[in-house]
Full PDB file with SEQRES, HELIX, SHEET, SSBOND, CRYST1, ORIGX, SCALE, CONECT and MASTER records, all heavy atoms in Angstrom:
SEQRES   1 A   39  LEU THR LEU ASN ALA LEU SER ALA ALA GLY GLU VAL PHE          
SEQRES   2 A   39  ILE PRO LEU GLN PRO HIS PHE LEU ALA LEU HIS GLY MET          
SEQRES   3 A   39  GLY LYS LEU LEU GLU THR THR ALA LEU VAL SER LYS ARG          
HELIX    1 AA1 THR A    2  ALA A    8  1                                   7    
HELIX    2 AA2 PHE A   20  LEU A   23  1                                   4    
HELIX    3 AA3 MET A   26  LYS A   38  1                                  13    
CRYST1    1.000    1.000    1.000  90.00  90.00  90.00 P 1           1          
ORIGX1      1.000000  0.000000  0.000000        0.00000                         
ORIGX2      0.000000  1.000000  0.000000        0.00000                         
ORIGX3      0.000000  0.000000  1.000000        0.00000                         
SCALE1      1.000000  0.000000  0.000000        0.00000                         
SCALE2      0.000000  1.000000  0.000000        0.00000                         
SCALE3      0.000000  0.000000  1.000000        0.00000                         
ATOM      1  N   LEU A   1       2.431   9.953   7.716  1.00  0.00           N  
ATOM      2  CA  LEU A   1       2.863  10.596   6.529  1.00  0.00           C  
ATOM      3  C   LEU A   1       2.279   9.859   5.376  1.00  0.00           C  
ATOM      4  O   LEU A   1       1.634  10.394   4.435  1.00  0.00           O  
ATOM      5  CB  LEU A   1       4.387  10.729   6.400  1.00  0.00           C  
ATOM      6  CG  LEU A   1       4.962  11.497   7.436  1.00  0.00           C  
ATOM      7  CD1 LEU A   1       6.632  11.507   7.148  1.00  0.00           C  
ATOM      8  CD2 LEU A   1       4.572  12.904   7.410  1.00  0.00           C  
ATOM      9  N   THR A   2       2.365   8.505   5.341  1.00  0.00           N  
ATOM     10  CA  THR A   2       1.881   7.679   4.292  1.00  0.00           C  
ATOM     11  C   THR A   2       0.267   7.621   4.354  1.00  0.00           C  
ATOM     12  O   THR A   2      -0.386   7.716   3.278  1.00  0.00           O  
ATOM     13  CB  THR A   2       2.389   6.201   4.366  1.00  0.00           C  
ATOM     14  OG1 THR A   2       3.810   6.325   4.200  1.00  0.00           O  
ATOM     15  CG2 THR A   2       1.884   5.285   3.247  1.00  0.00           C  
ATOM     16  N   LEU A   3      -0.219   7.681   5.522  1.00  0.00           N  
ATOM     17  CA  LEU A   3      -1.701   7.668   5.606  1.00  0.00           C  
ATOM     18  C   LEU A   3      -2.204   8.925   5.089  1.00  0.00           C  
ATOM     19  O   LEU A   3      -3.295   9.046   4.436  1.00  0.00           O  
ATOM     20  CB  LEU A   3      -2.219   7.618   7.162  1.00  0.00           C  
ATOM     21  CG  LEU A   3      -2.091   6.284   7.779  1.00  0.00           C  
ATOM     22  CD1 LEU A   3      -2.367   6.245   9.233  1.00  0.00           C  
ATOM     23  CD2 LEU A   3      -2.851   5.208   7.026  1.00  0.00           C  
ATOM     24  N   ASN A   4      -1.611  10.155   5.215  1.00  0.00           N  
ATOM     25  CA  ASN A   4      -1.933  11.355   4.675  1.00  0.00           C  
ATOM     26  C   ASN A   4      -1.939  11.231   3.091  1.00  0.00           C  
ATOM     27  O   ASN A   4      -2.890  11.743   2.478  1.00  0.00           O  
ATOM     28  CB  ASN A   4      -1.076  12.453   5.097  1.00  0.00           C  
ATOM     29  CG  ASN A   4      -1.665  13.328   6.289  1.00  0.00           C  
ATOM     30  OD1 ASN A   4      -2.354  14.212   6.083  1.00  0.00           O  
ATOM     31  ND2 ASN A   4      -1.296  12.843   7.467  1.00  0.00           N  
ATOM     32  N   ALA A   5      -0.956  10.628   2.605  1.00  0.00           N  
ATOM     33  CA  ALA A   5      -0.851  10.356   1.097  1.00  0.00           C  
ATOM     34  C   ALA A   5      -2.027   9.558   0.610  1.00  0.00           C  
ATOM     35  O   ALA A   5      -2.741   9.835  -0.364  1.00  0.00           O  
ATOM     36  CB  ALA A   5       0.437   9.781   0.657  1.00  0.00           C  
ATOM     37  N   LEU A   6      -2.285   8.456   1.318  1.00  0.00           N  
ATOM     38  CA  LEU A   6      -3.469   7.578   0.948  1.00  0.00           C  
ATOM     39  C   LEU A   6      -4.756   8.259   1.009  1.00  0.00           C  
ATOM     40  O   LEU A   6      -5.632   7.977   0.258  1.00  0.00           O  
ATOM     41  CB  LEU A   6      -3.342   6.326   1.762  1.00  0.00           C  
ATOM     42  CG  LEU A   6      -2.222   5.319   1.539  1.00  0.00           C  
ATOM     43  CD1 LEU A   6      -2.195   4.161   2.551  1.00  0.00           C  
ATOM     44  CD2 LEU A   6      -2.102   4.854   0.155  1.00  0.00           C  
ATOM     45  N   SER A   7      -4.898   9.070   1.999  1.00  0.00           N  
ATOM     46  CA  SER A   7      -6.153   9.862   2.209  1.00  0.00           C  
ATOM     47  C   SER A   7      -6.438  10.871   1.115  1.00  0.00           C  
ATOM     48  O   SER A   7      -7.514  11.100   0.701  1.00  0.00           O  
ATOM     49  CB  SER A   7      -6.204  10.523   3.575  1.00  0.00           C  
ATOM     50  OG  SER A   7      -6.114   9.628   4.640  1.00  0.00           O  
ATOM     51  N   ALA A   8      -5.310  11.452   0.592  1.00  0.00           N  
ATOM     52  CA  ALA A   8      -5.379  12.430  -0.431  1.00  0.00           C  
ATOM     53  C   ALA A   8      -5.376  11.877  -1.816  1.00  0.00           C  
ATOM     54  O   ALA A   8      -5.765  12.608  -2.798  1.00  0.00           O  
ATOM     55  CB  ALA A   8      -4.191  13.399  -0.273  1.00  0.00           C  
ATOM     56  N   ALA A   9      -4.889  10.675  -2.051  1.00  0.00           N  
ATOM     57  CA  ALA A   9      -4.767  10.064  -3.389  1.00  0.00           C  
ATOM     58  C   ALA A   9      -6.115   9.498  -3.935  1.00  0.00           C  
ATOM     59  O   ALA A   9      -6.982   9.115  -3.123  1.00  0.00           O  
ATOM     60  CB  ALA A   9      -3.723   8.917  -3.346  1.00  0.00           C  
ATOM     61  N   GLY A  10      -6.126   9.424  -5.176  1.00  0.00           N  
ATOM     62  CA  GLY A  10      -7.164   8.528  -5.850  1.00  0.00           C  
ATOM     63  C   GLY A  10      -6.707   7.230  -6.142  1.00  0.00           C  
ATOM     64  O   GLY A  10      -7.544   6.313  -6.386  1.00  0.00           O  
ATOM     65  N   GLU A  11      -5.354   6.997  -6.296  1.00  0.00           N  
ATOM     66  CA  GLU A  11      -4.839   5.711  -6.659  1.00  0.00           C  
ATOM     67  C   GLU A  11      -3.474   5.471  -6.053  1.00  0.00           C  
ATOM     68  O   GLU A  11      -2.857   6.525  -5.620  1.00  0.00           O  
ATOM     69  CB  GLU A  11      -4.858   5.535  -8.147  1.00  0.00           C  
ATOM     70  CG  GLU A  11      -4.145   6.557  -8.948  1.00  0.00           C  
ATOM     71  CD  GLU A  11      -4.387   6.433 -10.503  1.00  0.00           C  
ATOM     72  OE1 GLU A  11      -4.041   5.378 -10.900  1.00  0.00           O  
ATOM     73  OE2 GLU A  11      -4.875   7.447 -10.990  1.00  0.00           O  
ATOM     74  N   VAL A  12      -3.028   4.291  -6.129  1.00  0.00           N  
ATOM     75  CA  VAL A  12      -1.729   3.911  -5.625  1.00  0.00           C  
ATOM     76  C   VAL A  12      -0.948   3.038  -6.651  1.00  0.00           C  
ATOM     77  O   VAL A  12      -1.474   2.296  -7.261  1.00  0.00           O  
ATOM     78  CB  VAL A  12      -2.012   2.873  -4.396  1.00  0.00           C  
ATOM     79  CG1 VAL A  12      -0.527   2.331  -3.842  1.00  0.00           C  
ATOM     80  CG2 VAL A  12      -2.555   3.695  -3.230  1.00  0.00           C  
ATOM     81  N   PHE A  13       0.314   3.461  -6.727  1.00  0.00           N  
ATOM     82  CA  PHE A  13       1.253   2.670  -7.516  1.00  0.00           C  
ATOM     83  C   PHE A  13       2.199   2.036  -6.608  1.00  0.00           C  
ATOM     84  O   PHE A  13       2.704   2.677  -5.670  1.00  0.00           O  
ATOM     85  CB  PHE A  13       2.027   3.537  -8.544  1.00  0.00           C  
ATOM     86  CG  PHE A  13       1.350   3.903  -9.797  1.00  0.00           C  
ATOM     87  CD1 PHE A  13      -0.021   3.465 -10.067  1.00  0.00           C  
ATOM     88  CD2 PHE A  13       2.069   4.617 -10.737  1.00  0.00           C  
ATOM     89  CE1 PHE A  13      -0.654   3.905 -11.259  1.00  0.00           C  
ATOM     90  CE2 PHE A  13       1.352   4.952 -12.037  1.00  0.00           C  
ATOM     91  CZ  PHE A  13       0.085   4.485 -12.217  1.00  0.00           C  
ATOM     92  N   ILE A  14       2.501   0.813  -6.760  1.00  0.00           N  
ATOM     93  CA  ILE A  14       3.412   0.060  -5.879  1.00  0.00           C  
ATOM     94  C   ILE A  14       4.646  -0.362  -6.711  1.00  0.00           C  
ATOM     95  O   ILE A  14       4.573  -1.285  -7.592  1.00  0.00           O  
ATOM     96  CB  ILE A  14       2.809  -1.175  -5.200  1.00  0.00           C  
ATOM     97  CG1 ILE A  14       1.600  -0.728  -4.462  1.00  0.00           C  
ATOM     98  CG2 ILE A  14       3.748  -1.904  -4.358  1.00  0.00           C  
ATOM     99  CD1 ILE A  14       0.809  -1.939  -3.858  1.00  0.00           C  
ATOM    100  N   PRO A  15       5.833   0.281  -6.564  1.00  0.00           N  
ATOM    101  CA  PRO A  15       7.064  -0.233  -7.183  1.00  0.00           C  
ATOM    102  C   PRO A  15       7.488  -1.484  -6.495  1.00  0.00           C  
ATOM    103  O   PRO A  15       7.471  -1.610  -5.264  1.00  0.00           O  
ATOM    104  CB  PRO A  15       8.023   0.941  -6.885  1.00  0.00           C  
ATOM    105  CG  PRO A  15       7.226   2.109  -6.493  1.00  0.00           C  
ATOM    106  CD  PRO A  15       6.036   1.479  -5.871  1.00  0.00           C  
ATOM    107  N   LEU A  16       8.057  -2.408  -7.235  1.00  0.00           N  
ATOM    108  CA  LEU A  16       8.357  -3.663  -6.674  1.00  0.00           C  
ATOM    109  C   LEU A  16       9.472  -4.337  -7.372  1.00  0.00           C  
ATOM    110  O   LEU A  16       9.500  -4.337  -8.648  1.00  0.00           O  
ATOM    111  CB  LEU A  16       7.106  -4.701  -6.782  1.00  0.00           C  
ATOM    112  CG  LEU A  16       7.089  -5.913  -5.930  1.00  0.00           C  
ATOM    113  CD1 LEU A  16       6.914  -5.532  -4.455  1.00  0.00           C  
ATOM    114  CD2 LEU A  16       6.002  -6.901  -6.303  1.00  0.00           C  
ATOM    115  N   GLN A  17      10.445  -4.775  -6.651  1.00  0.00           N  
ATOM    116  CA  GLN A  17      11.578  -5.541  -7.282  1.00  0.00           C  
ATOM    117  C   GLN A  17      11.156  -7.003  -7.282  1.00  0.00           C  
ATOM    118  O   GLN A  17      10.660  -7.584  -6.244  1.00  0.00           O  
ATOM    119  CB  GLN A  17      12.819  -5.247  -6.365  1.00  0.00           C  
ATOM    120  CG  GLN A  17      14.077  -5.712  -7.083  1.00  0.00           C  
ATOM    121  CD  GLN A  17      15.283  -5.377  -6.278  1.00  0.00           C  
ATOM    122  OE1 GLN A  17      15.199  -4.653  -5.201  1.00  0.00           O  
ATOM    123  NE2 GLN A  17      16.374  -5.806  -6.622  1.00  0.00           N  
ATOM    124  N   PRO A  18      11.356  -7.678  -8.371  1.00  0.00           N  
ATOM    125  CA  PRO A  18      10.766  -9.008  -8.526  1.00  0.00           C  
ATOM    126  C   PRO A  18      11.699 -10.128  -7.867  1.00  0.00           C  
ATOM    127  O   PRO A  18      12.263 -10.885  -8.549  1.00  0.00           O  
ATOM    128  CB  PRO A  18      10.687  -9.239 -10.075  1.00  0.00           C  
ATOM    129  CG  PRO A  18      11.861  -8.414 -10.578  1.00  0.00           C  
ATOM    130  CD  PRO A  18      11.881  -7.283  -9.676  1.00  0.00           C  
ATOM    131  N   HIS A  19      11.687 -10.140  -6.580  1.00  0.00           N  
ATOM    132  CA  HIS A  19      12.289 -11.214  -5.848  1.00  0.00           C  
ATOM    133  C   HIS A  19      11.392 -11.508  -4.608  1.00  0.00           C  
ATOM    134  O   HIS A  19      10.616 -10.632  -4.182  1.00  0.00           O  
ATOM    135  CB  HIS A  19      13.673 -11.064  -5.517  1.00  0.00           C  
ATOM    136  CG  HIS A  19      14.016  -9.912  -4.630  1.00  0.00           C  
ATOM    137  ND1 HIS A  19      13.637  -9.746  -3.312  1.00  0.00           N  
ATOM    138  CD2 HIS A  19      14.804  -8.800  -5.009  1.00  0.00           C  
ATOM    139  CE1 HIS A  19      14.074  -8.648  -2.812  1.00  0.00           C  
ATOM    140  NE2 HIS A  19      14.737  -7.924  -3.759  1.00  0.00           N  
ATOM    141  N   PHE A  20      11.457 -12.590  -4.000  1.00  0.00           N  
ATOM    142  CA  PHE A  20      10.514 -13.035  -2.986  1.00  0.00           C  
ATOM    143  C   PHE A  20      10.503 -12.136  -1.707  1.00  0.00           C  
ATOM    144  O   PHE A  20       9.547 -11.923  -1.119  1.00  0.00           O  
ATOM    145  CB  PHE A  20      10.698 -14.525  -2.662  1.00  0.00           C  
ATOM    146  CG  PHE A  20      10.231 -15.482  -3.745  1.00  0.00           C  
ATOM    147  CD1 PHE A  20      11.204 -16.239  -4.471  1.00  0.00           C  
ATOM    148  CD2 PHE A  20       8.969 -15.523  -4.104  1.00  0.00           C  
ATOM    149  CE1 PHE A  20      10.750 -17.004  -5.392  1.00  0.00           C  
ATOM    150  CE2 PHE A  20       8.511 -16.401  -5.134  1.00  0.00           C  
ATOM    151  CZ  PHE A  20       9.417 -17.097  -5.848  1.00  0.00           C  
ATOM    152  N   LEU A  21      11.635 -11.582  -1.399  1.00  0.00           N  
ATOM    153  CA  LEU A  21      11.817 -10.803  -0.207  1.00  0.00           C  
ATOM    154  C   LEU A  21      11.032  -9.468  -0.422  1.00  0.00           C  
ATOM    155  O   LEU A  21      10.470  -8.949   0.470  1.00  0.00           O  
ATOM    156  CB  LEU A  21      13.169 -10.462   0.114  1.00  0.00           C  
ATOM    157  CG  LEU A  21      14.036 -11.692   0.836  1.00  0.00           C  
ATOM    158  CD1 LEU A  21      15.490 -11.201   1.002  1.00  0.00           C  
ATOM    159  CD2 LEU A  21      13.415 -12.080   2.121  1.00  0.00           C  
ATOM    160  N   ALA A  22      11.094  -9.012  -1.724  1.00  0.00           N  
ATOM    161  CA  ALA A  22      10.284  -7.735  -2.019  1.00  0.00           C  
ATOM    162  C   ALA A  22       8.777  -8.020  -1.926  1.00  0.00           C  
ATOM    163  O   ALA A  22       8.037  -7.016  -1.668  1.00  0.00           O  
ATOM    164  CB  ALA A  22      10.617  -7.303  -3.449  1.00  0.00           C  
ATOM    165  N   LEU A  23       8.396  -9.255  -2.121  1.00  0.00           N  
ATOM    166  CA  LEU A  23       6.950  -9.584  -2.012  1.00  0.00           C  
ATOM    167  C   LEU A  23       6.467  -9.591  -0.508  1.00  0.00           C  
ATOM    168  O   LEU A  23       5.313  -9.409  -0.139  1.00  0.00           O  
ATOM    169  CB  LEU A  23       6.544 -10.880  -2.673  1.00  0.00           C  
ATOM    170  CG  LEU A  23       6.475 -10.905  -4.173  1.00  0.00           C  
ATOM    171  CD1 LEU A  23       6.310 -12.320  -4.619  1.00  0.00           C  
ATOM    172  CD2 LEU A  23       5.530  -9.992  -4.780  1.00  0.00           C  
ATOM    173  N   HIS A  24       7.484  -9.895   0.331  1.00  0.00           N  
ATOM    174  CA  HIS A  24       7.130  -9.982   1.744  1.00  0.00           C  
ATOM    175  C   HIS A  24       6.670  -8.630   2.280  1.00  0.00           C  
ATOM    176  O   HIS A  24       7.382  -7.558   2.038  1.00  0.00           O  
ATOM    177  CB  HIS A  24       8.473 -10.336   2.581  1.00  0.00           C  
ATOM    178  CG  HIS A  24       8.223 -10.585   3.982  1.00  0.00           C  
ATOM    179  ND1 HIS A  24       7.541 -11.604   4.513  1.00  0.00           N  
ATOM    180  CD2 HIS A  24       8.484  -9.804   5.140  1.00  0.00           C  
ATOM    181  CE1 HIS A  24       7.469 -11.466   5.799  1.00  0.00           C  
ATOM    182  NE2 HIS A  24       8.139 -10.466   6.234  1.00  0.00           N  
ATOM    183  N   GLY A  25       5.542  -8.542   2.913  1.00  0.00           N  
ATOM    184  CA  GLY A  25       4.915  -7.305   3.392  1.00  0.00           C  
ATOM    185  C   GLY A  25       3.862  -6.787   2.470  1.00  0.00           C  
ATOM    186  O   GLY A  25       3.244  -5.696   2.888  1.00  0.00           O  
ATOM    187  N   MET A  26       3.875  -7.329   1.287  1.00  0.00           N  
ATOM    188  CA  MET A  26       2.767  -6.781   0.358  1.00  0.00           C  
ATOM    189  C   MET A  26       1.372  -6.951   0.926  1.00  0.00           C  
ATOM    190  O   MET A  26       0.502  -6.057   0.844  1.00  0.00           O  
ATOM    191  CB  MET A  26       2.710  -7.518  -0.892  1.00  0.00           C  
ATOM    192  CG  MET A  26       3.664  -7.017  -2.004  1.00  0.00           C  
ATOM    193  SD  MET A  26       2.883  -5.604  -2.848  1.00  0.00           S  
ATOM    194  CE  MET A  26       1.694  -6.425  -3.851  1.00  0.00           C  
ATOM    195  N   GLY A  27       1.150  -8.038   1.700  1.00  0.00           N  
ATOM    196  CA  GLY A  27      -0.209  -8.156   2.426  1.00  0.00           C  
ATOM    197  C   GLY A  27      -0.444  -7.055   3.377  1.00  0.00           C  
ATOM    198  O   GLY A  27      -1.584  -6.478   3.397  1.00  0.00           O  
ATOM    199  N   LYS A  28       0.486  -6.632   4.194  1.00  0.00           N  
ATOM    200  CA  LYS A  28       0.352  -5.584   5.111  1.00  0.00           C  
ATOM    201  C   LYS A  28       0.085  -4.215   4.414  1.00  0.00           C  
ATOM    202  O   LYS A  28      -0.836  -3.421   4.783  1.00  0.00           O  
ATOM    203  CB  LYS A  28       1.574  -5.382   5.991  1.00  0.00           C  
ATOM    204  CG  LYS A  28       1.389  -4.375   7.094  1.00  0.00           C  
ATOM    205  CD  LYS A  28       0.331  -4.626   8.109  1.00  0.00           C  
ATOM    206  CE  LYS A  28       0.320  -3.624   9.191  1.00  0.00           C  
ATOM    207  NZ  LYS A  28      -0.804  -3.902  10.068  1.00  0.00           N  
ATOM    208  N   LEU A  29       0.749  -4.059   3.202  1.00  0.00           N  
ATOM    209  CA  LEU A  29       0.657  -2.863   2.604  1.00  0.00           C  
ATOM    210  C   LEU A  29      -0.822  -2.760   1.976  1.00  0.00           C  
ATOM    211  O   LEU A  29      -1.568  -1.715   2.060  1.00  0.00           O  
ATOM    212  CB  LEU A  29       1.557  -2.793   1.424  1.00  0.00           C  
ATOM    213  CG  LEU A  29       1.499  -1.593   0.387  1.00  0.00           C  
ATOM    214  CD1 LEU A  29       1.587  -0.290   1.193  1.00  0.00           C  
ATOM    215  CD2 LEU A  29       2.597  -1.691  -0.613  1.00  0.00           C  
ATOM    216  N   LEU A  30      -1.270  -3.844   1.366  1.00  0.00           N  
ATOM    217  CA  LEU A  30      -2.575  -3.925   0.859  1.00  0.00           C  
ATOM    218  C   LEU A  30      -3.681  -3.810   1.907  1.00  0.00           C  
ATOM    219  O   LEU A  30      -4.759  -3.184   1.697  1.00  0.00           O  
ATOM    220  CB  LEU A  30      -2.766  -5.152  -0.023  1.00  0.00           C  
ATOM    221  CG  LEU A  30      -1.942  -5.249  -1.278  1.00  0.00           C  
ATOM    222  CD1 LEU A  30      -2.004  -6.602  -1.989  1.00  0.00           C  
ATOM    223  CD2 LEU A  30      -2.198  -4.084  -2.319  1.00  0.00           C  
ATOM    224  N   GLU A  31      -3.394  -4.425   2.999  1.00  0.00           N  
ATOM    225  CA  GLU A  31      -4.341  -4.323   4.155  1.00  0.00           C  
ATOM    226  C   GLU A  31      -4.550  -2.917   4.564  1.00  0.00           C  
ATOM    227  O   GLU A  31      -5.704  -2.482   4.900  1.00  0.00           O  
ATOM    228  CB  GLU A  31      -3.826  -5.191   5.284  1.00  0.00           C  
ATOM    229  CG  GLU A  31      -4.728  -5.118   6.548  1.00  0.00           C  
ATOM    230  CD  GLU A  31      -4.113  -5.901   7.719  1.00  0.00           C  
ATOM    231  OE1 GLU A  31      -3.401  -6.880   7.463  1.00  0.00           O  
ATOM    232  OE2 GLU A  31      -4.356  -5.533   8.835  1.00  0.00           O  
ATOM    233  N   THR A  32      -3.494  -2.071   4.529  1.00  0.00           N  
ATOM    234  CA  THR A  32      -3.535  -0.690   4.940  1.00  0.00           C  
ATOM    235  C   THR A  32      -4.394   0.098   3.967  1.00  0.00           C  
ATOM    236  O   THR A  32      -5.213   0.967   4.379  1.00  0.00           O  
ATOM    237  CB  THR A  32      -2.105  -0.047   5.023  1.00  0.00           C  
ATOM    238  OG1 THR A  32      -1.380  -0.796   6.091  1.00  0.00           O  
ATOM    239  CG2 THR A  32      -2.230   1.360   5.321  1.00  0.00           C  
ATOM    240  N   THR A  33      -4.223  -0.194   2.641  1.00  0.00           N  
ATOM    241  CA  THR A  33      -5.142   0.563   1.606  1.00  0.00           C  
ATOM    242  C   THR A  33      -6.507   0.189   1.775  1.00  0.00           C  
ATOM    243  O   THR A  33      -7.351   0.988   1.663  1.00  0.00           O  
ATOM    244  CB  THR A  33      -4.651   0.173   0.215  1.00  0.00           C  
ATOM    245  OG1 THR A  33      -4.883  -1.207  -0.099  1.00  0.00           O  
ATOM    246  CG2 THR A  33      -3.124   0.468   0.000  1.00  0.00           C  
ATOM    247  N   ALA A  34      -6.757  -1.138   2.256  1.00  0.00           N  
ATOM    248  CA  ALA A  34      -8.245  -1.495   2.486  1.00  0.00           C  
ATOM    249  C   ALA A  34      -8.752  -0.780   3.615  1.00  0.00           C  
ATOM    250  O   ALA A  34      -9.949  -0.287   3.558  1.00  0.00           O  
ATOM    251  CB  ALA A  34      -8.240  -3.016   2.697  1.00  0.00           C  
ATOM    252  N   LEU A  35      -8.045  -0.641   4.587  1.00  0.00           N  
ATOM    253  CA  LEU A  35      -8.485   0.198   5.884  1.00  0.00           C  
ATOM    254  C   LEU A  35      -8.782   1.639   5.549  1.00  0.00           C  
ATOM    255  O   LEU A  35      -9.788   2.229   5.920  1.00  0.00           O  
ATOM    256  CB  LEU A  35      -7.565   0.015   7.063  1.00  0.00           C  
ATOM    257  CG  LEU A  35      -7.470  -1.337   7.781  1.00  0.00           C  
ATOM    258  CD1 LEU A  35      -6.197  -1.412   8.640  1.00  0.00           C  
ATOM    259  CD2 LEU A  35      -8.837  -1.643   8.417  1.00  0.00           C  
ATOM    260  N   VAL A  36      -7.810   2.249   4.805  1.00  0.00           N  
ATOM    261  CA  VAL A  36      -8.028   3.601   4.453  1.00  0.00           C  
ATOM    262  C   VAL A  36      -9.199   3.769   3.508  1.00  0.00           C  
ATOM    263  O   VAL A  36      -9.980   4.745   3.680  1.00  0.00           O  
ATOM    264  CB  VAL A  36      -6.725   4.181   3.677  1.00  0.00           C  
ATOM    265  CG1 VAL A  36      -6.991   5.567   3.118  1.00  0.00           C  
ATOM    266  CG2 VAL A  36      -5.627   4.202   4.697  1.00  0.00           C  
ATOM    267  N   SER A  37      -9.381   2.833   2.523  1.00  0.00           N  
ATOM    268  CA  SER A  37     -10.574   2.913   1.685  1.00  0.00           C  
ATOM    269  C   SER A  37     -11.809   2.783   2.442  1.00  0.00           C  
ATOM    270  O   SER A  37     -12.820   3.488   2.108  1.00  0.00           O  
ATOM    271  CB  SER A  37     -10.410   1.808   0.667  1.00  0.00           C  
ATOM    272  OG  SER A  37     -11.532   1.777  -0.168  1.00  0.00           O  
ATOM    273  N   LYS A  38     -11.790   1.895   3.414  1.00  0.00           N  
ATOM    274  CA  LYS A  38     -13.023   1.707   4.211  1.00  0.00           C  
ATOM    275  C   LYS A  38     -13.442   2.852   5.180  1.00  0.00           C  
ATOM    276  O   LYS A  38     -14.613   3.272   5.357  1.00  0.00           O  
ATOM    277  CB  LYS A  38     -12.866   0.424   5.033  1.00  0.00           C  
ATOM    278  CG  LYS A  38     -14.107   0.013   5.792  1.00  0.00           C  
ATOM    279  CD  LYS A  38     -13.874  -1.193   6.647  1.00  0.00           C  
ATOM    280  CE  LYS A  38     -15.049  -1.654   7.477  1.00  0.00           C  
ATOM    281  NZ  LYS A  38     -14.874  -2.907   8.219  1.00  0.00           N  
ATOM    282  N   ARG A  39     -12.318   3.491   5.810  1.00  0.00           N  
ATOM    283  CA  ARG A  39     -12.707   4.469   6.816  1.00  0.00           C  
ATOM    284  C   ARG A  39     -12.506   5.854   6.422  1.00  0.00           C  
ATOM    285  O   ARG A  39     -13.138   6.732   7.057  1.00  0.00           O  
ATOM    286  CB  ARG A  39     -11.783   4.157   8.023  1.00  0.00           C  
ATOM    287  CG  ARG A  39     -11.933   2.748   8.630  1.00  0.00           C  
ATOM    288  CD  ARG A  39     -10.994   2.340   9.694  1.00  0.00           C  
ATOM    289  NE  ARG A  39     -11.214   1.087  10.237  1.00  0.00           N  
ATOM    290  CZ  ARG A  39     -10.564   0.501  11.227  1.00  0.00           C  
ATOM    291  NH1 ARG A  39      -9.527   1.229  11.781  1.00  0.00           N  
ATOM    292  NH2 ARG A  39     -10.851  -0.709  11.656  1.00  0.00           N  
TER     293      ARG A  39                                                      
MASTER        0    0    0    3    0    0    0    6  292    1    0    3          
END                                                                             
């Protein structure tokens, strides 16, 4: 479902709560956008 959104989107907004646990996983999220952008 999220891949469909990324494939159809021109851009991404990431809502984030400013504490360290919320930052956990950002790398995986950004990695996914890079793969969608590349492929």
